[in-house]
Amino acid sequence: MDDVPLRLGRKGKPGKVLALWIQKIDFEKILGEAAISSFNPQYYQSHAQWRADLEQKEVRLQWDPDHDPYGNKLQRRAIQLG
């Protein structure tokens, strides 16, 4: 959540920010129920399999660039779930 102010600044002025603390096992369950937002042959054997996953699952997983609190790009990527 280090880059929350940076990200929120891009979309205007939100009224509230929600931060959640969950157990690792629950986070892993959410990840297991997520479909990756763009086709990746490391996870899917075909585009058809990926599209079927998108249709069946309600959670989306996307890898985004990560930034430090000052807006500098980091080498790591951040997971965005929606």
Protein backbone atom coordinates (compact mmCIF):
# COMPACT_ATOMS: atom_id res chain seq x y z
CA MET A 1 0.00 0.00 0.00
CA ASP A 2 3.07 2.22 -0.21
CA ASP A 3 1.94 3.65 -3.52
CA VAL A 4 -1.70 4.33 -2.55
CA PRO A 5 -1.27 8.14 -2.46
CA LEU A 6 0.46 8.04 -5.86
CA ARG A 7 -2.26 5.90 -7.42
CA LEU A 8 -5.11 7.84 -5.88
CA GLY A 9 -3.66 11.11 -7.09
CA ARG A 10 -4.09 9.94 -10.67
CA LYS A 11 -7.84 9.47 -10.37
CA GLY A 12 -8.90 12.64 -8.64
CA LYS A 13 -9.65 13.08 -4.96
CA PRO A 14 -11.33 10.04 -3.44
CA GLY A 15 -13.32 10.42 -0.27
CA LYS A 16 -12.02 7.30 1.46
CA VAL A 17 -9.33 4.64 1.26
CA LEU A 18 -10.06 1.10 2.38
CA ALA A 19 -7.21 -1.05 3.70
CA LEU A 20 -7.83 -4.68 4.59
CA TRP A 21 -5.82 -7.09 6.70
CA ILE A 22 -6.53 -10.73 5.87
CA GLN A 23 -4.90 -14.01 6.74
CA LYS A 24 -2.49 -15.49 4.21
CA ILE A 25 -4.70 -18.53 3.69
CA ASP A 26 -7.63 -16.27 2.74
CA PHE A 27 -5.45 -14.25 0.35
CA GLU A 28 -4.27 -17.47 -1.30
CA LYS A 29 -7.90 -18.57 -1.68
CA ILE A 30 -8.73 -15.28 -3.45
CA LEU A 31 -5.72 -15.75 -5.75
CA GLY A 32 -6.91 -19.27 -6.53
CA GLU A 33 -10.30 -17.91 -7.53
CA ALA A 34 -8.85 -15.22 -9.82
CA ALA A 35 -8.51 -15.20 -13.60
CA ILE A 36 -5.47 -13.42 -15.01
CA SER A 37 -6.63 -10.31 -16.88
CA SER A 38 -4.48 -10.91 -19.98
CA PHE A 39 -3.46 -14.14 -21.70
CA ASN A 40 -0.22 -15.66 -20.43
CA PRO A 41 0.99 -18.99 -21.89
CA GLN A 42 2.71 -19.80 -18.58
CA TYR A 43 -0.72 -20.19 -16.98
CA TYR A 44 -3.03 -21.13 -19.86
CA GLN A 45 -2.54 -23.68 -22.65
CA SER A 46 -4.79 -21.78 -25.06
CA HIS A 47 -6.66 -18.52 -25.55
CA ALA A 48 -9.90 -20.52 -25.35
CA GLN A 49 -8.98 -21.86 -21.90
CA TRP A 50 -8.11 -18.32 -20.73
CA ARG A 51 -11.39 -16.88 -22.08
CA ALA A 52 -13.36 -19.65 -20.36
CA ASP A 53 -11.58 -18.83 -17.09
CA LEU A 54 -12.51 -15.15 -17.49
CA GLU A 55 -16.16 -16.07 -18.02
CA GLN A 56 -16.30 -18.45 -15.04
CA LYS A 57 -14.40 -16.51 -12.40
CA GLU A 58 -15.50 -13.27 -10.75
CA VAL A 59 -12.05 -12.15 -9.55
CA ARG A 60 -9.46 -10.58 -11.89
CA LEU A 61 -5.71 -10.57 -11.27
CA GLN A 62 -3.43 -8.05 -12.95
CA TRP A 63 0.29 -7.37 -12.49
CA ASP A 64 1.11 -3.65 -12.33
CA PRO A 65 4.37 -1.70 -12.06
CA ASP A 66 5.14 -0.85 -8.44
CA HIS A 67 6.40 2.50 -7.13
CA ASP A 68 7.95 3.77 -3.92
CA PRO A 69 6.19 6.52 -1.90
CA TYR A 70 7.99 9.17 -4.00
CA GLY A 71 6.74 7.84 -7.33
CA ASN A 72 9.99 6.15 -8.37
CA LYS A 73 9.49 2.92 -10.29
CA LEU A 74 10.59 -0.24 -8.49
CA GLN A 75 11.93 -3.44 -10.06
CA ARG A 76 9.13 -5.51 -8.54
CA ARG A 77 5.54 -5.77 -9.74
CA ALA A 78 2.39 -5.42 -7.66
CA ILE A 79 -0.74 -7.55 -7.82
CA GLN A 80 -4.00 -5.74 -8.42
CA LEU A 81 -7.17 -7.70 -7.68
CA GLY A 82 -10.62 -6.68 -8.74
